[in-house]
Amino acid sequence: MSLFKRKSKVNGNSEEKAAENSAPEQPTVARSVSVCLLGAEGVGKSTLIHTLERFAGFPGASHTEDGCVLLWKDVQITVWETHLCQLKERTVPHADFWYIIVGVDDGMTADLYQVLEDAVALPFRGVFMSKSDCLSFEDTEFIEDLQLEIEGYLEECNIITEKFTFIQGSAYNVEITDFLDDIIRQ
């Protein structure tokens, strides 16, 4: 045994104790959920995922090819960005539930209408109405009209359930916490 090791043991700094002290504390995971974000091109799905990564990105967040895995209030959340073409091709990942991402400045696009007709069987949880930088949520009449339009169409497609939610917000704002809380609710 070397003098260094002997001295370390005398001081109570054994190699085992050093390894214990250097190991980071693992966050606790009470349960896991998976969610897909579906929306037309350019409505902010990627921006929303990157913001979720940064926002909840202290311990436990990691980037995947088309999404991220993060920890929020002891729930591990796997989020996938899903493209409309994946629904058409039937190559979507399995998820516990889905959110439709709608750009408030664009509303429901024709291709999203078309795809949702084929997506009735998917477990939709809600709509995230993503605000662009050029539109203010202070125009409540416009936002309410858009929400009613979306709601009416989703009811026609039998997509809305009693647990369905509408979240109005920006990927850069405090509504991210509302969105994460909605994802983990049971």
N, C-alpha and C. Protein backbone atom coordinates (compact mmCIF):
# COMPACT_ATOMS: atom_id res chain seq x y z
N MET A 1 0.85 -1.18 0.00
CA MET A 1 0.00 0.00 0.00
C MET A 1 0.89 1.24 0.00
N SER A 2 0.54 2.20 -0.77
CA SER A 2 1.38 3.39 -0.86
C SER A 2 1.13 4.32 0.32
N LEU A 3 2.07 5.20 0.53
CA LEU A 3 1.96 6.17 1.60
C LEU A 3 0.74 7.05 1.40
N PHE A 4 0.44 7.42 0.13
CA PHE A 4 -0.71 8.28 -0.16
C PHE A 4 -2.02 7.62 0.26
N LYS A 5 -2.18 6.37 -0.07
CA LYS A 5 -3.42 5.68 0.29
C LYS A 5 -3.55 5.57 1.81
N ARG A 6 -2.43 5.27 2.47
CA ARG A 6 -2.47 5.13 3.91
C ARG A 6 -2.84 6.46 4.54
N LYS A 7 -2.26 7.55 4.06
CA LYS A 7 -2.55 8.86 4.61
C LYS A 7 -4.02 9.22 4.38
N SER A 8 -4.56 8.89 3.20
CA SER A 8 -5.96 9.18 2.90
C SER A 8 -6.88 8.44 3.85
N LYS A 9 -6.56 7.18 4.11
CA LYS A 9 -7.41 6.40 5.01
C LYS A 9 -7.36 6.95 6.43
N VAL A 10 -6.21 7.42 6.83
CA VAL A 10 -6.07 7.99 8.16
C VAL A 10 -6.95 9.23 8.28
N ASN A 11 -7.00 10.04 7.25
CA ASN A 11 -7.80 11.26 7.27
C ASN A 11 -9.28 11.01 6.99
N GLY A 12 -9.65 9.77 6.77
CA GLY A 12 -11.05 9.47 6.50
C GLY A 12 -11.45 9.74 5.07
N ASN A 13 -10.50 9.87 4.18
CA ASN A 13 -10.80 10.16 2.77
C ASN A 13 -10.47 8.95 1.90
N SER A 14 -11.06 7.82 2.20
CA SER A 14 -10.79 6.63 1.42
C SER A 14 -11.32 6.80 0.00
N GLU A 15 -10.84 5.95 -0.91
CA GLU A 15 -11.29 6.01 -2.30
C GLU A 15 -12.80 5.78 -2.38
N GLU A 16 -13.32 4.88 -1.55
CA GLU A 16 -14.76 4.60 -1.55
C GLU A 16 -15.55 5.84 -1.13
N LYS A 17 -15.07 6.52 -0.11
CA LYS A 17 -15.77 7.72 0.37
C LYS A 17 -15.71 8.83 -0.68
N ALA A 18 -14.59 8.96 -1.37
CA ALA A 18 -14.47 9.97 -2.43
C ALA A 18 -15.44 9.67 -3.56
N ALA A 19 -15.59 8.39 -3.90
CA ALA A 19 -16.54 8.01 -4.95
C ALA A 19 -17.97 8.31 -4.53
N GLU A 20 -18.29 8.07 -3.26
CA GLU A 20 -19.64 8.37 -2.76
C GLU A 20 -19.93 9.87 -2.85
N ASN A 21 -18.96 10.68 -2.45
CA ASN A 21 -19.15 12.13 -2.45
C ASN A 21 -19.23 12.71 -3.85
N SER A 22 -18.56 12.10 -4.82
CA SER A 22 -18.56 12.67 -6.17
C SER A 22 -19.76 12.24 -6.99
N ALA A 23 -20.46 11.19 -6.58
CA ALA A 23 -21.63 10.72 -7.34
C ALA A 23 -22.78 11.72 -7.16
N PRO A 24 -23.30 12.26 -8.28
CA PRO A 24 -24.41 13.21 -8.16
C PRO A 24 -25.67 12.51 -7.67
N GLU A 25 -26.46 13.25 -6.93
CA GLU A 25 -27.70 12.71 -6.42
C GLU A 25 -28.67 12.51 -7.58
N GLN A 26 -29.20 11.32 -7.71
CA GLN A 26 -30.12 11.00 -8.80
C GLN A 26 -31.51 11.54 -8.48
N PRO A 27 -32.14 12.24 -9.43
CA PRO A 27 -33.49 12.72 -9.19
C PRO A 27 -34.45 11.55 -9.10
N THR A 28 -35.50 11.72 -8.31
CA THR A 28 -36.48 10.65 -8.18
C THR A 28 -37.51 10.77 -9.29
N VAL A 29 -37.93 9.63 -9.79
CA VAL A 29 -38.93 9.57 -10.85
C VAL A 29 -40.11 8.77 -10.32
N ALA A 30 -41.25 9.45 -10.13
CA ALA A 30 -42.44 8.78 -9.63
C ALA A 30 -43.15 8.01 -10.73
N ARG A 31 -43.16 8.57 -11.94
CA ARG A 31 -43.80 7.91 -13.09
C ARG A 31 -43.27 8.53 -14.36
N SER A 32 -43.61 7.92 -15.47
CA SER A 32 -43.17 8.41 -16.78
C SER A 32 -44.37 8.58 -17.70
N VAL A 33 -44.33 9.62 -18.53
CA VAL A 33 -45.36 9.82 -19.56
C VAL A 33 -44.66 10.18 -20.87
N SER A 34 -45.33 9.85 -21.95
CA SER A 34 -44.81 10.24 -23.27
C SER A 34 -45.89 11.04 -23.99
N VAL A 35 -45.45 12.04 -24.73
CA VAL A 35 -46.38 12.94 -25.40
C VAL A 35 -45.81 13.30 -26.77
N CYS A 36 -46.71 13.39 -27.75
CA CYS A 36 -46.34 13.84 -29.09
C CYS A 36 -46.94 15.21 -29.34
N LEU A 37 -46.17 16.07 -29.97
CA LEU A 37 -46.63 17.38 -30.39
C LEU A 37 -46.87 17.33 -31.89
N LEU A 38 -48.09 17.64 -32.31
CA LEU A 38 -48.47 17.58 -33.72
C LEU A 38 -48.88 18.95 -34.20
N GLY A 39 -48.36 19.35 -35.33
CA GLY A 39 -48.75 20.63 -35.89
C GLY A 39 -48.17 20.81 -37.27
N ALA A 40 -48.66 21.81 -37.96
CA ALA A 40 -48.16 22.11 -39.30
C ALA A 40 -46.73 22.62 -39.22
N GLU A 41 -46.09 22.66 -40.34
CA GLU A 41 -44.71 23.17 -40.43
C GLU A 41 -44.66 24.62 -39.98
N GLY A 42 -43.71 24.95 -39.11
CA GLY A 42 -43.48 26.33 -38.72
C GLY A 42 -44.36 26.89 -37.62
N VAL A 43 -45.11 26.04 -36.91
CA VAL A 43 -45.98 26.56 -35.85
C VAL A 43 -45.28 26.65 -34.50
N GLY A 44 -44.06 26.15 -34.41
CA GLY A 44 -43.30 26.30 -33.18
C GLY A 44 -43.08 25.03 -32.39
N LYS A 45 -43.25 23.86 -33.00
CA LYS A 45 -43.03 22.60 -32.27
C LYS A 45 -41.58 22.49 -31.80
N SER A 46 -40.64 22.74 -32.70
CA SER A 46 -39.21 22.64 -32.34
C SER A 46 -38.84 23.67 -31.29
N THR A 47 -39.33 24.88 -31.45
CA THR A 47 -39.06 25.93 -30.47
C THR A 47 -39.60 25.55 -29.11
N LEU A 48 -40.81 25.00 -29.08
CA LEU A 48 -41.41 24.57 -27.82
C LEU A 48 -40.58 23.47 -27.17
N ILE A 49 -40.12 22.51 -27.94
CA ILE A 49 -39.30 21.43 -27.39
C ILE A 49 -37.97 21.97 -26.85
N HIS A 50 -37.33 22.86 -27.59
CA HIS A 50 -36.06 23.43 -27.12
C HIS A 50 -36.27 24.25 -25.84
N THR A 51 -37.38 24.95 -25.76
CA THR A 51 -37.67 25.71 -24.55
C THR A 51 -37.94 24.78 -23.37
N LEU A 52 -38.67 23.70 -23.61
CA LEU A 52 -38.91 22.72 -22.55
C LEU A 52 -37.58 22.15 -22.05
N GLU A 53 -36.68 21.85 -22.97
CA GLU A 53 -35.36 21.33 -22.58
C GLU A 53 -34.62 22.31 -21.68
N ARG A 54 -34.62 23.57 -22.09
CA ARG A 54 -33.90 24.58 -21.30
C ARG A 54 -34.61 24.85 -19.98
N PHE A 55 -35.93 24.91 -20.00
CA PHE A 55 -36.68 25.28 -18.81
C PHE A 55 -36.57 24.21 -17.74
N ALA A 56 -36.78 22.97 -18.13
CA ALA A 56 -36.73 21.88 -17.16
C ALA A 56 -35.39 21.18 -17.23
N GLY A 57 -34.42 21.80 -17.84
CA GLY A 57 -33.18 21.14 -18.17
C GLY A 57 -32.14 21.07 -17.10
N PHE A 58 -32.50 21.34 -15.88
CA PHE A 58 -31.49 21.08 -14.87
C PHE A 58 -31.30 19.58 -14.83
N PRO A 59 -31.28 18.88 -13.74
CA PRO A 59 -30.97 17.45 -13.78
C PRO A 59 -32.03 16.67 -14.56
N GLY A 60 -31.59 15.81 -15.40
CA GLY A 60 -32.51 14.87 -16.02
C GLY A 60 -33.01 15.22 -17.40
N ALA A 61 -32.61 16.30 -18.02
CA ALA A 61 -33.09 16.61 -19.37
C ALA A 61 -32.06 16.17 -20.39
N SER A 62 -32.54 15.62 -21.47
CA SER A 62 -31.64 15.24 -22.55
C SER A 62 -32.35 15.40 -23.88
N HIS A 63 -31.58 15.68 -24.91
CA HIS A 63 -32.13 15.88 -26.25
C HIS A 63 -32.11 14.55 -27.00
N THR A 64 -33.19 14.26 -27.71
CA THR A 64 -33.23 13.10 -28.58
C THR A 64 -33.35 13.60 -30.01
N GLU A 65 -33.37 12.68 -30.96
CA GLU A 65 -33.38 13.09 -32.37
C GLU A 65 -34.57 13.97 -32.71
N ASP A 66 -35.75 13.60 -32.29
CA ASP A 66 -36.96 14.37 -32.61
C ASP A 66 -37.69 14.84 -31.36
N GLY A 67 -36.98 15.09 -30.29
CA GLY A 67 -37.66 15.52 -29.07
C GLY A 67 -36.71 15.66 -27.91
N CYS A 68 -37.26 15.40 -26.71
CA CYS A 68 -36.44 15.48 -25.51
C CYS A 68 -37.05 14.63 -24.41
N VAL A 69 -36.23 14.36 -23.43
CA VAL A 69 -36.66 13.67 -22.21
C VAL A 69 -36.31 14.60 -21.07
N LEU A 70 -37.29 14.89 -20.21
CA LEU A 70 -37.04 15.81 -19.11
C LEU A 70 -37.79 15.36 -17.87
N LEU A 71 -37.43 15.96 -16.76
CA LEU A 71 -38.04 15.64 -15.48
C LEU A 71 -38.76 16.88 -14.98
N TRP A 72 -40.04 16.74 -14.65
CA TRP A 72 -40.83 17.85 -14.13
C TRP A 72 -41.65 17.34 -12.97
N LYS A 73 -41.38 17.86 -11.78
CA LYS A 73 -42.11 17.49 -10.56
C LYS A 73 -42.16 15.97 -10.39
N ASP A 74 -41.01 15.33 -10.46
CA ASP A 74 -40.84 13.88 -10.28
C ASP A 74 -41.49 13.04 -11.36
N VAL A 75 -41.86 13.63 -12.48
CA VAL A 75 -42.41 12.87 -13.60
C VAL A 75 -41.44 12.99 -14.77
N GLN A 76 -41.04 11.85 -15.29
CA GLN A 76 -40.18 11.86 -16.47
C GLN A 76 -41.07 11.99 -17.70
N ILE A 77 -40.82 13.01 -18.51
CA ILE A 77 -41.65 13.30 -19.68
C ILE A 77 -40.80 13.11 -20.93
N THR A 78 -41.27 12.27 -21.83
CA THR A 78 -40.65 12.12 -23.13
C THR A 78 -41.52 12.85 -24.13
N VAL A 79 -40.95 13.82 -24.83
CA VAL A 79 -41.70 14.66 -25.78
C VAL A 79 -41.15 14.41 -27.18
N TRP A 80 -42.05 14.10 -28.13
CA TRP A 80 -41.64 13.92 -29.52
C TRP A 80 -42.30 14.95 -30.40
N GLU A 81 -41.53 15.50 -31.31
CA GLU A 81 -42.08 16.36 -32.35
C GLU A 81 -42.58 15.44 -33.46
N THR A 82 -43.84 15.61 -33.82
CA THR A 82 -44.44 14.74 -34.83
C THR A 82 -44.89 15.58 -36.01
N HIS A 83 -44.55 15.14 -37.19
CA HIS A 83 -44.88 15.87 -38.41
C HIS A 83 -46.14 15.30 -39.04
N LEU A 84 -46.87 16.14 -39.75
CA LEU A 84 -48.12 15.71 -40.38
C LEU A 84 -47.89 14.55 -41.34
N CYS A 85 -46.77 14.55 -42.03
CA CYS A 85 -46.49 13.46 -42.98
C CYS A 85 -46.36 12.12 -42.26
N GLN A 86 -45.92 12.12 -41.00
CA GLN A 86 -45.82 10.87 -40.24
C GLN A 86 -47.21 10.28 -40.00
N LEU A 87 -48.20 11.14 -39.78
CA LEU A 87 -49.56 10.63 -39.62
C LEU A 87 -50.07 10.03 -40.92
N LYS A 88 -49.79 10.71 -42.02
CA LYS A 88 -50.22 10.20 -43.32
C LYS A 88 -49.56 8.86 -43.62
N GLU A 89 -48.28 8.74 -43.28
CA GLU A 89 -47.53 7.51 -43.54
C GLU A 89 -47.71 6.47 -42.45
N ARG A 90 -48.39 6.83 -41.40
CA ARG A 90 -48.63 5.95 -40.24
C ARG A 90 -47.32 5.48 -39.60
N THR A 91 -46.40 6.42 -39.44
CA THR A 91 -45.11 6.10 -38.82
C THR A 91 -44.92 6.92 -37.54
N VAL A 92 -46.00 7.16 -36.83
CA VAL A 92 -45.92 7.97 -35.61
C VAL A 92 -45.47 7.11 -34.43
N PRO A 93 -44.76 7.71 -33.50
CA PRO A 93 -44.37 6.96 -32.31
C PRO A 93 -45.58 6.74 -31.40
N HIS A 94 -45.49 5.70 -30.57
CA HIS A 94 -46.55 5.49 -29.58
C HIS A 94 -46.36 6.52 -28.46
N ALA A 95 -47.45 7.13 -28.05
CA ALA A 95 -47.38 8.11 -26.96
C ALA A 95 -48.60 7.95 -26.08
N ASP A 96 -48.45 8.31 -24.81
CA ASP A 96 -49.59 8.25 -23.89
C ASP A 96 -50.68 9.21 -24.32
N PHE A 97 -50.27 10.39 -24.81
CA PHE A 97 -51.25 11.33 -25.35
C PHE A 97 -50.57 12.34 -26.26
N TRP A 98 -51.40 13.13 -26.94
CA TRP A 98 -50.96 14.05 -27.98
C TRP A 98 -51.47 15.45 -27.71
N TYR A 99 -50.70 16.43 -28.15
CA TYR A 99 -51.13 17.83 -28.16
C TYR A 99 -51.04 18.34 -29.59
N ILE A 100 -52.03 19.11 -29.99
CA ILE A 100 -52.00 19.79 -31.27
C ILE A 100 -51.38 21.16 -31.03
N ILE A 101 -50.39 21.52 -31.81
CA ILE A 101 -49.76 22.83 -31.69
C ILE A 101 -50.27 23.68 -32.86
N VAL A 102 -50.90 24.79 -32.52
CA VAL A 102 -51.48 25.67 -33.53
C VAL A 102 -50.82 27.03 -33.40
N GLY A 103 -50.29 27.54 -34.49
CA GLY A 103 -49.76 28.90 -34.50
C GLY A 103 -50.93 29.87 -34.53
N VAL A 104 -51.02 30.73 -33.54
CA VAL A 104 -52.17 31.64 -33.43
C VAL A 104 -52.27 32.53 -34.66
N ASP A 105 -51.13 32.93 -35.22
CA ASP A 105 -51.19 33.80 -36.39
C ASP A 105 -51.65 33.05 -37.65
N ASP A 106 -51.51 31.70 -37.67
CA ASP A 106 -51.93 30.91 -38.82
C ASP A 106 -53.29 30.26 -38.63
N GLY A 107 -53.64 29.94 -37.38
CA GLY A 107 -54.88 29.20 -37.13
C GLY A 107 -54.73 27.75 -37.58
N MET A 108 -55.85 27.08 -37.75
CA MET A 108 -55.84 25.70 -38.21
C MET A 108 -55.57 25.72 -39.71
N THR A 109 -54.50 25.07 -40.12
CA THR A 109 -54.16 25.04 -41.54
C THR A 109 -54.91 23.92 -42.24
N ALA A 110 -55.04 24.03 -43.55
CA ALA A 110 -55.79 23.05 -44.32
C ALA A 110 -55.20 21.65 -44.18
N ASP A 111 -53.86 21.54 -44.18
CA ASP A 111 -53.26 20.22 -44.06
C ASP A 111 -53.48 19.62 -42.68
N LEU A 112 -53.57 20.45 -41.65
CA LEU A 112 -53.86 19.94 -40.31
C LEU A 112 -55.30 19.44 -40.24
N TYR A 113 -56.24 20.19 -40.83
CA TYR A 113 -57.63 19.72 -40.90
C TYR A 113 -57.69 18.35 -41.56
N GLN A 114 -57.01 18.21 -42.67
CA GLN A 114 -57.05 16.98 -43.45
C GLN A 114 -56.48 15.80 -42.65
N VAL A 115 -55.37 16.02 -41.97
CA VAL A 115 -54.73 14.95 -41.23
C VAL A 115 -55.53 14.55 -40.00
N LEU A 116 -56.16 15.51 -39.33
CA LEU A 116 -56.90 15.19 -38.11
C LEU A 116 -58.07 14.25 -38.37
N GLU A 117 -58.61 14.28 -39.58
CA GLU A 117 -59.69 13.36 -39.91
C GLU A 117 -59.22 11.91 -39.78
N ASP A 118 -57.94 11.66 -40.05
CA ASP A 118 -57.38 10.31 -39.95
C ASP A 118 -56.80 10.02 -38.56
N ALA A 119 -56.78 11.01 -37.70
CA ALA A 119 -56.12 10.86 -36.40
C ALA A 119 -57.09 10.77 -35.23
N VAL A 120 -58.33 10.49 -35.52
CA VAL A 120 -59.36 10.49 -34.48
C VAL A 120 -59.04 9.50 -33.36
N ALA A 121 -58.42 8.39 -33.68
CA ALA A 121 -58.16 7.36 -32.67
C ALA A 121 -57.02 7.71 -31.72
N LEU A 122 -56.24 8.74 -32.03
CA LEU A 122 -55.12 9.10 -31.16
C LEU A 122 -55.64 9.76 -29.88
N PRO A 123 -54.96 9.53 -28.76
CA PRO A 123 -55.40 10.11 -27.48
C PRO A 123 -54.97 11.57 -27.33
N PHE A 124 -55.73 12.47 -27.91
CA PHE A 124 -55.41 13.90 -27.81
C PHE A 124 -55.75 14.42 -26.43
N ARG A 125 -54.88 15.26 -25.88
CA ARG A 125 -55.06 15.83 -24.55
C ARG A 125 -55.41 17.31 -24.63
N GLY A 126 -54.93 18.00 -25.68
CA GLY A 126 -55.20 19.42 -25.73
C GLY A 126 -54.57 20.11 -26.92
N VAL A 127 -54.72 21.43 -26.91
CA VAL A 127 -54.17 22.29 -27.95
C VAL A 127 -53.30 23.34 -27.26
N PHE A 128 -52.08 23.49 -27.75
CA PHE A 128 -51.24 24.60 -27.31
C PHE A 128 -51.30 25.63 -28.42
N MET A 129 -51.93 26.77 -28.12
CA MET A 129 -52.08 27.84 -29.09
C MET A 129 -50.84 28.73 -28.97
N SER A 130 -49.91 28.52 -29.88
CA SER A 130 -48.60 29.15 -29.80
C SER A 130 -48.63 30.53 -30.44
N LYS A 131 -48.26 31.51 -29.66
CA LYS A 131 -48.25 32.90 -30.12
C LYS A 131 -46.92 33.19 -30.81
N SER A 132 -47.01 33.87 -31.93
CA SER A 132 -45.78 34.35 -32.55
C SER A 132 -45.43 35.69 -31.92
N ASP A 133 -44.26 36.16 -32.19
CA ASP A 133 -43.82 37.43 -31.61
C ASP A 133 -44.61 38.62 -32.13
N CYS A 134 -45.26 38.47 -33.29
CA CYS A 134 -45.94 39.62 -33.90
C CYS A 134 -47.38 39.76 -33.43
N LEU A 135 -47.89 38.82 -32.65
CA LEU A 135 -49.28 38.88 -32.22
C LEU A 135 -49.35 38.93 -30.70
N SER A 136 -50.23 39.74 -30.19
CA SER A 136 -50.38 39.87 -28.74
C SER A 136 -51.62 39.11 -28.29
N PHE A 137 -51.53 38.48 -27.13
CA PHE A 137 -52.69 37.80 -26.57
C PHE A 137 -53.68 38.79 -25.98
N GLU A 138 -53.36 40.07 -26.07
CA GLU A 138 -54.30 41.08 -25.59
C GLU A 138 -55.48 41.22 -26.55
N ASP A 139 -55.35 40.73 -27.77
CA ASP A 139 -56.46 40.72 -28.73
C ASP A 139 -57.33 39.51 -28.41
N THR A 140 -58.02 39.57 -27.27
CA THR A 140 -58.74 38.42 -26.76
C THR A 140 -59.88 37.98 -27.67
N GLU A 141 -60.51 38.91 -28.36
CA GLU A 141 -61.61 38.54 -29.25
C GLU A 141 -61.11 37.63 -30.38
N PHE A 142 -59.99 37.99 -30.97
CA PHE A 142 -59.41 37.16 -32.03
C PHE A 142 -59.05 35.78 -31.50
N ILE A 143 -58.41 35.73 -30.33
CA ILE A 143 -57.99 34.46 -29.73
C ILE A 143 -59.20 33.60 -29.40
N GLU A 144 -60.24 34.20 -28.81
CA GLU A 144 -61.45 33.44 -28.47
C GLU A 144 -62.13 32.90 -29.73
N ASP A 145 -62.18 33.71 -30.79
CA ASP A 145 -62.78 33.25 -32.05
C ASP A 145 -61.99 32.07 -32.62
N LEU A 146 -60.67 32.17 -32.59
CA LEU A 146 -59.84 31.09 -33.09
C LEU A 146 -60.03 29.83 -32.26
N GLN A 147 -60.09 29.98 -30.94
CA GLN A 147 -60.29 28.82 -30.08
C GLN A 147 -61.64 28.17 -30.36
N LEU A 148 -62.68 28.97 -30.54
CA LEU A 148 -64.00 28.42 -30.86
C LEU A 148 -63.99 27.69 -32.20
N GLU A 149 -63.28 28.24 -33.17
CA GLU A 149 -63.17 27.58 -34.48
C GLU A 149 -62.48 26.22 -34.34
N ILE A 150 -61.36 26.20 -33.62
CA ILE A 150 -60.62 24.95 -33.42
C ILE A 150 -61.47 23.96 -32.64
N GLU A 151 -62.09 24.44 -31.58
CA GLU A 151 -62.92 23.58 -30.73
C GLU A 151 -64.06 22.96 -31.54
N GLY A 152 -64.71 23.77 -32.37
CA GLY A 152 -65.81 23.27 -33.19
C GLY A 152 -65.36 22.18 -34.14
N TYR A 153 -64.23 22.38 -34.77
CA TYR A 153 -63.73 21.37 -35.69
C TYR A 153 -63.35 20.09 -34.96
N LEU A 154 -62.68 20.22 -33.83
CA LEU A 154 -62.26 19.03 -33.07
C LEU A 154 -63.46 18.27 -32.52
N GLU A 155 -64.53 18.99 -32.18
CA GLU A 155 -65.76 18.32 -31.75
C GLU A 155 -66.39 17.54 -32.90
N GLU A 156 -66.37 18.12 -34.11
CA GLU A 156 -66.88 17.42 -35.29
C GLU A 156 -66.11 16.12 -35.52
N CYS A 157 -64.83 16.13 -35.26
CA CYS A 157 -63.98 14.95 -35.45
C CYS A 157 -64.01 14.01 -34.24
N ASN A 158 -64.77 14.35 -33.21
CA ASN A 158 -64.84 13.57 -31.97
C ASN A 158 -63.48 13.42 -31.30
N ILE A 159 -62.71 14.49 -31.32
CA ILE A 159 -61.38 14.47 -30.70
C ILE A 159 -61.42 15.02 -29.28
N ILE A 160 -62.33 15.93 -29.01
CA ILE A 160 -62.38 16.57 -27.69
C ILE A 160 -63.02 15.63 -26.67
N THR A 161 -62.35 15.50 -25.52
CA THR A 161 -62.90 14.75 -24.39
C THR A 161 -63.08 15.72 -23.23
N GLU A 162 -63.60 15.22 -22.12
CA GLU A 162 -63.81 16.11 -20.98
C GLU A 162 -62.50 16.59 -20.37
N LYS A 163 -61.40 15.89 -20.59
CA LYS A 163 -60.10 16.30 -20.05
C LYS A 163 -59.31 17.18 -21.02
N PHE A 164 -59.89 17.52 -22.16
CA PHE A 164 -59.20 18.28 -23.20
C PHE A 164 -58.98 19.71 -22.73
N THR A 165 -57.79 20.26 -22.98
CA THR A 165 -57.48 21.62 -22.55
C THR A 165 -56.96 22.46 -23.71
N PHE A 166 -57.17 23.76 -23.57
CA PHE A 166 -56.60 24.74 -24.49
C PHE A 166 -55.63 25.60 -23.68
N ILE A 167 -54.41 25.69 -24.14
CA ILE A 167 -53.41 26.51 -23.46
C ILE A 167 -52.98 27.58 -24.45
N GLN A 168 -53.17 28.82 -24.08
CA GLN A 168 -52.75 29.94 -24.92
C GLN A 168 -51.42 30.42 -24.37
N GLY A 169 -50.42 30.50 -25.23
CA GLY A 169 -49.15 30.96 -24.70
C GLY A 169 -48.07 31.07 -25.73
N SER A 170 -46.91 31.32 -25.22
CA SER A 170 -45.72 31.45 -26.04
C SER A 170 -44.70 30.45 -25.52
N ALA A 171 -43.93 29.91 -26.42
CA ALA A 171 -42.88 28.98 -26.00
C ALA A 171 -41.83 29.68 -25.15
N TYR A 172 -41.86 31.00 -25.11
CA TYR A 172 -40.86 31.75 -24.34
C TYR A 172 -41.42 32.34 -23.05
N ASN A 173 -42.62 31.97 -22.65
CA ASN A 173 -43.27 32.65 -21.55
C ASN A 173 -43.63 31.69 -20.42
N VAL A 174 -44.29 32.23 -19.41
CA VAL A 174 -44.64 31.45 -18.22
C VAL A 174 -45.66 30.36 -18.52
N GLU A 175 -46.31 30.40 -19.66
CA GLU A 175 -47.27 29.35 -19.99
C GLU A 175 -46.60 27.99 -20.13
N ILE A 176 -45.30 27.97 -20.23
CA ILE A 176 -44.57 26.70 -20.29
C ILE A 176 -44.85 25.90 -19.03
N THR A 177 -44.90 26.54 -17.87
CA THR A 177 -45.21 25.81 -16.64
C THR A 177 -46.63 25.27 -16.68
N ASP A 178 -47.57 26.04 -17.23
CA ASP A 178 -48.94 25.54 -17.38
C ASP A 178 -48.96 24.31 -18.28
N PHE A 179 -48.19 24.37 -19.36
CA PHE A 179 -48.13 23.26 -20.30
C PHE A 179 -47.54 22.01 -19.64
N LEU A 180 -46.43 22.17 -18.92
CA LEU A 180 -45.82 21.03 -18.23
C LEU A 180 -46.75 20.46 -17.17
N ASP A 181 -47.42 21.34 -16.42
CA ASP A 181 -48.37 20.86 -15.41
C ASP A 181 -49.52 20.09 -16.05
N ASP A 182 -49.97 20.55 -17.21
CA ASP A 182 -51.05 19.85 -17.91
C ASP A 182 -50.58 18.48 -18.40
N ILE A 183 -49.35 18.39 -18.84
CA ILE A 183 -48.81 17.11 -19.30
C ILE A 183 -48.79 16.09 -18.17
N ILE A 184 -48.42 16.50 -16.97
CA ILE A 184 -48.27 15.52 -15.89
C ILE A 184 -49.55 15.26 -15.10
N ARG A 185 -50.60 16.03 -15.36
CA ARG A 185 -51.84 15.76 -14.61
C ARG A 185 -52.39 14.39 -15.02
N GLN A 186 -53.10 13.78 -14.07
CA GLN A 186 -53.61 12.43 -14.36
C GLN A 186 -55.07 12.45 -14.67
